[in-house]
Amino acid sequence: MSELSSRDQRVLKAIVIDYIRSGEPVGSRTVSKKYMTNLSSATIRNVMADLEDLGYVYQPHTSAGRVPTEKGLRFYLESLIEPKKLGKKEKEAIRKAYIDIKGSVEEILKKTSHLLSSLCSQAAVVLWPRLSASKFRHIEFIRLYAHHVLTILVAESGIVHHRLVVSDEDFSQDDLDKFSRYLNNILKNLTLEEVKYKILEELKEEKAEFDRIYDRAIDIVKKALQAQHEETEVYIEGQSKLLDYPEFSDIDRLKTILRAFEDKSRLLKLLDMTLESGEGVQVILGPESRVQELQELSIVSSPYRKKDVVLGVIGVIGPLRMDYPKIIPIVDYTARVLSEIMENPDG
């Protein structure tokens, strides 16, 4: 049972909606005139005082109206929000954005970040498919010059990873071709996390069957996979859109946020929270996140998948007063369309 009465909830909803629109503290007179004409300003003031006592709103200063707290926003998101339904034209526009992109997963994901930022007027992020969860499709080694080998690893998701490895052994291209053929045969249908263990297992159980080439070349694979495992790509677009909000007019404050965007490890912490749930749209309010520098922001995000495997995350990052009713259905539908495309990225 909620500790809030029906009237309390209606007043809280009015405060949140008006605060999202204006960014200003919401007074009782505004609520009475715009949202609840059947109640007097005095009655609404009493309800606001009760909401403040319960921690759902706060008053920046004595003469101001109220602003929703994290608790108030969370209650709104879980109990009061009425997401807007995407119309046929909006859905068609999202699908149409992908029509001319065929065969390149990287381009598809870049397009997604651009699309979300444009539709939502916020910063948008896209987390690439995690290697540890991706199925192995193909590996190739190319000798660039003495002791330098380019490894090309293709995941089942279609993502292509390149890594330059410096080897103690100077392999010929023929040697590298032999080794890639062997690996492509024994590593089918494994996730890339399993690939590392399979390689070590093969060495342990069949070491006697490996000639000098395989024994040395295994180091190339280990180095390449280790580097790829540590590197996760994140696209972000539209950070400058934060400048449209007066709450970020303080330059030092904005610089701190933009530096956090540049540090991918911080963004990964935020996106990992969505990956951990693996289901539907998630809204993480800044104070709930694991990133100190992003406490004043929220993220609306959703995983995208291929069949039953979650590949990555797409999301929109903006102020705590984002237009959640508009943004949630856009992120949800875009994630669904992207998941369909990832089933067959080659079209």
Protein backbone atom coordinates (compact mmCIF):
# COMPACT_ATOMS: atom_id res chain seq x y z
CA MET A 1 0.00 0.00 0.00
CA SER A 2 1.31 3.48 -0.85
CA GLU A 3 1.76 5.98 1.94
CA LEU A 4 0.31 8.56 -0.43
CA SER A 5 -3.41 9.13 -0.84
CA SER A 6 -4.96 9.57 -4.27
CA ARG A 7 -4.93 13.34 -3.79
CA ASP A 8 -1.29 13.30 -2.67
CA GLN A 9 -0.37 11.38 -5.80
CA ARG A 10 -2.22 13.79 -8.09
CA VAL A 11 -0.44 16.77 -6.54
CA LEU A 12 2.94 15.04 -6.78
CA LYS A 13 2.28 14.15 -10.42
CA ALA A 14 1.41 17.79 -11.17
CA ILE A 15 4.61 18.99 -9.50
CA VAL A 16 6.77 16.54 -11.48
CA ILE A 17 5.09 17.31 -14.82
CA ASP A 18 5.42 21.07 -14.37
CA TYR A 19 8.99 20.82 -13.10
CA ILE A 20 9.98 18.72 -16.15
CA ARG A 21 8.47 21.39 -18.38
CA SER A 22 9.83 24.51 -16.69
CA GLY A 23 12.80 23.51 -14.56
CA GLU A 24 11.48 25.85 -11.89
CA PRO A 25 10.07 25.14 -8.40
CA VAL A 26 6.31 24.56 -8.67
CA GLY A 27 3.96 26.59 -6.49
CA SER A 28 0.51 25.73 -5.16
CA ARG A 29 -1.10 28.40 -7.32
CA THR A 30 0.36 26.83 -10.48
CA VAL A 31 -0.94 23.39 -9.50
CA SER A 32 -4.38 24.80 -8.68
CA LYS A 33 -4.71 26.80 -11.91
CA LYS A 34 -3.23 24.30 -14.38
CA TYR A 35 -3.80 20.82 -12.99
CA MET A 36 -6.30 20.71 -10.12
CA THR A 37 -8.83 23.50 -10.49
CA ASN A 38 -11.18 21.80 -8.01
CA LEU A 39 -8.73 22.39 -5.13
CA SER A 40 -7.77 25.68 -3.56
CA SER A 41 -4.18 26.90 -3.33
CA ALA A 42 -4.38 26.58 0.47
CA THR A 43 -5.38 22.92 0.26
CA ILE A 44 -2.60 22.19 -2.22
CA ARG A 45 -0.07 23.97 0.02
CA ASN A 46 -1.03 21.62 2.84
CA VAL A 47 -0.59 18.60 0.59
CA MET A 48 2.79 19.93 -0.55
CA ALA A 49 3.88 20.29 3.07
CA ASP A 50 2.89 16.66 3.70
CA LEU A 51 4.79 15.52 0.60
CA GLU A 52 7.83 17.41 1.82
CA ASP A 53 7.63 15.77 5.26
CA LEU A 54 7.54 12.37 3.52
CA GLY A 55 10.58 13.19 1.37
CA TYR A 56 8.90 13.35 -2.05
CA VAL A 57 9.53 17.06 -2.67
CA TYR A 58 11.69 19.80 -1.22
CA GLN A 59 11.60 23.59 -1.07
CA PRO A 60 14.80 25.27 -2.35
CA HIS A 61 14.07 28.31 -0.21
CA THR A 62 11.22 29.62 1.94
CA SER A 63 9.35 31.63 -0.68
CA ALA A 64 9.77 29.07 -3.48
CA GLY A 65 7.51 26.30 -4.66
CA ARG A 66 8.51 22.62 -4.54
CA VAL A 67 10.88 20.49 -6.56
CA PRO A 68 10.61 16.68 -6.72
CA THR A 69 13.31 14.72 -4.91
CA GLU A 70 14.86 11.50 -6.18
CA LYS A 71 12.22 9.64 -4.15
CA GLY A 72 9.47 11.73 -5.73
CA LEU A 73 10.78 11.15 -9.26
CA ARG A 74 11.13 7.42 -8.63
CA PHE A 75 7.53 7.19 -7.37
CA TYR A 76 6.37 9.12 -10.43
CA LEU A 77 8.27 6.78 -12.77
CA GLU A 78 6.99 3.61 -11.14
CA SER A 79 3.40 4.58 -10.32
CA LEU A 80 2.20 7.78 -12.00
CA ILE A 81 3.82 8.18 -15.40
CA GLU A 82 1.73 7.94 -18.57
CA PRO A 83 4.15 7.27 -21.45
CA LYS A 84 3.08 8.73 -24.77
CA LYS A 85 2.27 6.22 -27.48
CA LEU A 86 4.41 6.47 -30.58
CA GLY A 87 2.37 7.24 -33.63
CA LYS A 88 2.65 5.44 -36.96
CA LYS A 89 4.71 8.29 -38.46
CA GLU A 90 7.18 8.26 -35.55
CA LYS A 91 7.65 4.50 -35.84
CA GLU A 92 8.13 4.75 -39.59
CA ALA A 93 10.72 7.50 -39.12
CA ILE A 94 12.75 5.29 -36.78
CA ARG A 95 12.66 2.34 -39.18
CA LYS A 96 13.40 4.54 -42.17
CA ALA A 97 16.59 5.81 -40.51
CA TYR A 98 18.12 2.33 -40.91
CA ILE A 99 17.05 1.64 -44.50
CA ASP A 100 20.26 2.71 -46.25
CA ILE A 101 22.61 1.04 -43.77
CA LYS A 102 23.45 -2.53 -44.77
CA GLY A 103 26.18 -4.90 -43.69
CA SER A 104 28.10 -2.77 -41.20
CA VAL A 105 27.16 -3.24 -37.56
CA GLU A 106 29.43 -0.35 -36.59
CA GLU A 107 27.51 1.99 -38.88
CA ILE A 108 24.20 0.69 -37.55
CA LEU A 109 25.23 1.45 -33.97
CA LYS A 110 26.61 4.88 -34.86
CA LYS A 111 23.34 5.65 -36.62
CA THR A 112 21.44 4.61 -33.50
CA SER A 113 23.28 7.09 -31.29
CA HIS A 114 22.66 9.87 -33.83
CA LEU A 115 18.98 8.92 -34.16
CA LEU A 116 18.32 8.87 -30.40
CA SER A 117 20.09 12.16 -29.82
CA SER A 118 18.10 13.79 -32.61
CA LEU A 119 14.70 12.40 -31.59
CA CYS A 120 15.12 13.04 -27.86
CA SER A 121 17.21 16.25 -27.95
CA GLN A 122 19.57 14.71 -25.41
CA ALA A 123 22.95 13.03 -25.34
CA ALA A 124 22.70 9.45 -26.58
CA VAL A 125 24.92 6.45 -25.85
CA VAL A 126 25.30 3.05 -27.47
CA LEU A 127 27.27 0.22 -25.92
CA TRP A 128 28.75 -2.20 -28.42
CA PRO A 129 28.10 -5.93 -28.05
CA ARG A 130 30.22 -7.34 -25.25
CA LEU A 131 32.85 -9.73 -26.53
CA SER A 132 32.43 -12.06 -23.57
CA ALA A 133 28.82 -12.73 -24.60
CA SER A 134 29.33 -12.76 -28.38
CA LYS A 135 29.68 -15.94 -30.39
CA PHE A 136 32.90 -16.52 -32.30
CA ARG A 137 32.54 -16.46 -36.10
CA HIS A 138 35.98 -16.04 -37.62
CA ILE A 139 39.57 -15.08 -36.85
CA GLU A 140 42.25 -14.04 -39.30
CA PHE A 141 45.92 -13.09 -38.93
CA ILE A 142 47.71 -10.75 -41.32
CA ARG A 143 51.47 -10.19 -41.28
CA LEU A 144 52.02 -6.46 -41.60
CA TYR A 145 55.79 -6.47 -41.19
CA ALA A 146 58.43 -8.22 -39.07
CA HIS A 147 57.02 -9.34 -35.70
CA HIS A 148 53.79 -7.36 -36.18
CA VAL A 149 50.54 -9.27 -36.76
CA LEU A 150 47.10 -7.75 -37.29
CA THR A 151 44.40 -9.96 -35.77
CA ILE A 152 40.90 -9.60 -37.20
CA LEU A 153 38.24 -11.13 -35.01
CA VAL A 154 34.64 -11.28 -36.23
CA ALA A 155 31.87 -11.94 -33.72
CA GLU A 156 28.57 -13.57 -34.64
CA SER A 157 26.89 -10.22 -33.98
CA GLY A 158 28.76 -8.86 -36.98
CA ILE A 159 31.12 -6.66 -34.99
CA VAL A 160 34.68 -6.71 -36.32
CA HIS A 161 37.56 -6.16 -33.88
CA HIS A 162 41.10 -5.35 -35.01
CA ARG A 163 44.17 -5.65 -32.82
CA LEU A 164 47.83 -5.20 -33.67
CA VAL A 165 49.96 -7.70 -31.76
CA VAL A 166 53.75 -7.62 -31.45
CA SER A 167 55.10 -11.18 -31.49
CA ASP A 168 58.44 -12.61 -30.41
CA GLU A 169 58.25 -14.91 -33.42
CA ASP A 170 58.39 -13.49 -36.96
CA PHE A 171 55.75 -15.59 -38.73
CA SER A 172 55.28 -15.89 -42.45
CA GLN A 173 51.79 -15.31 -43.86
CA ASP A 174 51.58 -19.03 -44.72
CA ASP A 175 52.18 -19.91 -41.09
CA LEU A 176 49.50 -17.48 -39.94
CA ASP A 177 47.00 -18.83 -42.48
CA LYS A 178 47.53 -22.37 -41.19
CA PHE A 179 46.94 -21.27 -37.64
CA SER A 180 43.77 -19.30 -38.42
CA ARG A 181 42.33 -22.32 -40.30
CA TYR A 182 42.95 -24.52 -37.28
CA LEU A 183 41.34 -22.06 -34.87
CA ASN A 184 38.33 -21.41 -37.08
CA ASN A 185 37.69 -25.15 -37.06
CA ILE A 186 37.89 -25.79 -33.30
CA LEU A 187 36.28 -22.59 -32.00
CA LYS A 188 32.91 -22.69 -33.76
CA ASN A 189 29.82 -21.86 -31.66
CA LEU A 190 31.80 -20.73 -28.63
CA THR A 191 31.41 -17.37 -26.93
CA LEU A 192 34.54 -15.30 -27.02
CA GLU A 193 34.93 -15.75 -23.29
CA GLU A 194 34.94 -19.53 -23.87
CA VAL A 195 37.42 -19.16 -26.73
CA LYS A 196 40.22 -18.15 -24.35
CA TYR A 197 39.70 -21.20 -22.18
CA LYS A 198 39.35 -23.52 -25.18
CA ILE A 199 42.70 -22.38 -26.54
CA LEU A 200 44.41 -23.03 -23.21
CA GLU A 201 42.69 -26.41 -22.96
CA GLU A 202 43.85 -27.42 -26.44
CA LEU A 203 47.40 -26.52 -25.54
CA LYS A 204 47.26 -28.53 -22.34
CA GLU A 205 45.64 -31.65 -23.79
CA GLU A 206 47.27 -31.75 -27.20
CA LYS A 207 50.53 -29.97 -26.66
CA ALA A 208 52.49 -32.86 -28.12
CA GLU A 209 50.61 -32.44 -31.40
CA PHE A 210 51.44 -28.77 -31.73
CA ASP A 211 54.51 -28.00 -33.74
CA ARG A 212 56.70 -25.02 -33.00
CA ILE A 213 54.51 -22.68 -35.06
CA TYR A 214 51.32 -23.38 -33.11
CA ASP A 215 53.11 -23.35 -29.79
CA ARG A 216 54.46 -19.82 -30.42
CA ALA A 217 51.49 -18.48 -32.33
CA ILE A 218 49.16 -19.15 -29.41
CA ASP A 219 50.69 -16.12 -27.72
CA ILE A 220 49.30 -13.93 -30.49
CA VAL A 221 45.76 -15.14 -29.82
CA LYS A 222 46.07 -14.76 -26.07
CA LYS A 223 47.34 -11.18 -26.42
CA ALA A 224 44.67 -10.29 -28.94
CA LEU A 225 41.79 -11.74 -26.93
CA GLN A 226 43.01 -10.22 -23.69
CA ALA A 227 43.18 -6.78 -25.27
CA GLN A 228 39.80 -7.14 -26.92
CA HIS A 229 38.20 -8.32 -23.69
CA GLU A 230 39.36 -5.19 -21.89
CA GLU A 231 38.23 -2.80 -24.60
CA THR A 232 34.53 -2.07 -24.94
CA GLU A 233 33.38 0.52 -27.43
CA VAL A 234 30.88 3.19 -26.42
CA TYR A 235 29.42 5.71 -28.84
CA ILE A 236 28.14 8.98 -27.42
CA GLU A 237 26.59 11.84 -29.33
CA GLY A 238 24.86 15.09 -28.48
CA GLN A 239 26.65 16.06 -25.26
CA SER A 240 26.35 19.71 -26.29
CA LYS A 241 22.56 19.47 -25.92
CA LEU A 242 23.06 19.84 -22.16
CA LEU A 243 23.83 23.49 -22.89
CA ASP A 244 20.12 23.97 -23.62
CA TYR A 245 19.29 23.50 -19.92
CA PRO A 246 19.79 26.43 -17.51
CA GLU A 247 20.73 24.06 -14.67
CA PHE A 248 23.97 23.37 -16.55
CA SER A 249 24.85 27.00 -17.23
CA ASP A 250 27.65 26.82 -14.64
CA ILE A 251 30.73 26.14 -16.78
CA ASP A 252 32.70 24.27 -14.08
CA ARG A 253 29.70 22.06 -13.41
CA LEU A 254 29.31 21.30 -17.10
CA LYS A 255 33.02 20.59 -17.55
CA THR A 256 32.85 17.96 -14.80
CA ILE A 257 29.98 16.23 -16.58
CA LEU A 258 31.62 16.37 -20.00
CA ARG A 259 34.86 14.91 -18.57
CA ALA A 260 32.80 12.03 -17.19
CA PHE A 261 31.39 11.44 -20.68
CA GLU A 262 34.93 11.26 -22.05
CA ASP A 263 35.89 8.61 -19.50
CA LYS A 264 34.33 5.47 -20.94
CA SER A 265 34.85 3.51 -17.73
CA ARG A 266 32.36 5.82 -15.99
CA LEU A 267 29.79 5.38 -18.72
CA LEU A 268 30.29 1.62 -18.61
CA LYS A 269 29.43 1.59 -14.91
CA LEU A 270 26.17 3.31 -15.73
CA LEU A 271 25.33 1.09 -18.70
CA ASP A 272 26.25 -2.06 -16.79
CA MET A 273 23.30 -1.40 -14.50
CA THR A 274 21.01 -1.85 -17.51
CA LEU A 275 22.92 -4.92 -18.71
CA GLU A 276 22.53 -6.53 -15.30
CA SER A 277 18.75 -6.32 -15.49
CA GLY A 278 18.62 -7.42 -19.13
CA GLU A 279 14.91 -6.63 -19.45
CA GLY A 280 13.08 -3.68 -20.98
CA VAL A 281 13.55 0.03 -20.48
CA GLN A 282 15.35 1.12 -17.33
CA VAL A 283 15.45 4.62 -15.86
CA ILE A 284 18.40 5.27 -13.59
CA LEU A 285 18.25 8.56 -11.75
CA GLY A 286 21.61 10.21 -11.21
CA PRO A 287 21.76 9.69 -7.42
CA GLU A 288 21.09 5.97 -8.00
CA SER A 289 24.06 5.59 -10.34
CA ARG A 290 27.57 4.46 -9.49
CA VAL A 291 29.08 7.56 -11.08
CA GLN A 292 29.67 10.52 -8.78
CA GLU A 293 30.16 12.99 -11.63
CA LEU A 294 26.79 12.11 -13.19
CA GLN A 295 24.63 12.58 -10.09
CA GLU A 296 22.68 15.41 -11.73
CA LEU A 297 21.76 13.34 -14.78
CA SER A 298 19.48 10.44 -15.56
CA ILE A 299 19.69 7.72 -18.17
CA VAL A 300 16.80 6.07 -19.98
CA SER A 301 18.19 2.89 -21.49
CA SER A 302 17.28 -0.47 -22.90
CA PRO A 303 19.24 -3.55 -23.92
CA TYR A 304 19.24 -4.72 -27.52
CA ARG A 305 19.64 -8.37 -28.35
CA LYS A 306 20.06 -11.08 -30.92
CA LYS A 307 17.54 -13.82 -30.24
CA ASP A 308 17.81 -14.44 -26.50
CA VAL A 309 21.31 -13.00 -26.05
CA VAL A 310 21.66 -9.43 -24.80
CA LEU A 311 24.32 -7.78 -26.96
CA GLY A 312 24.56 -4.25 -25.62
CA VAL A 313 22.67 -1.18 -24.47
CA ILE A 314 21.27 1.98 -26.03
CA GLY A 315 20.29 4.99 -23.97
CA VAL A 316 19.59 8.67 -23.60
CA ILE A 317 21.34 10.77 -20.96
CA GLY A 318 19.96 14.11 -19.82
CA PRO A 319 18.93 16.16 -16.81
CA LEU A 320 16.85 14.72 -13.99
CA ARG A 321 13.87 16.57 -15.47
CA MET A 322 13.97 14.79 -18.81
CA ASP A 323 10.68 14.39 -20.65
CA TYR A 324 10.29 10.77 -19.55
CA PRO A 325 6.81 10.19 -21.07
CA LYS A 326 8.22 11.09 -24.50
CA ILE A 327 11.69 9.54 -24.23
CA ILE A 328 10.85 6.13 -22.71
CA PRO A 329 8.74 4.91 -25.69
CA ILE A 330 11.33 6.22 -28.18
CA VAL A 331 14.16 4.30 -26.49
CA ASP A 332 11.98 1.20 -26.13
CA TYR A 333 10.91 1.13 -29.79
CA THR A 334 14.39 1.94 -31.11
CA ALA A 335 15.83 -0.94 -29.05
CA ARG A 336 13.23 -3.28 -30.53
CA VAL A 337 13.98 -2.19 -34.09
CA LEU A 338 17.74 -2.45 -33.50
CA SER A 339 17.26 -5.99 -32.12
CA GLU A 340 15.39 -6.95 -35.30
CA ILE A 341 18.19 -5.53 -37.44
CA MET A 342 20.86 -7.36 -35.43
CA GLU A 343 19.17 -10.65 -36.35
CA ASN A 344 20.28 -9.97 -39.92
CA PRO A 345 22.64 -6.99 -40.12
CA ASP A 346 23.49 -7.80 -43.74
CA GLY A 347 19.87 -7.14 -44.69
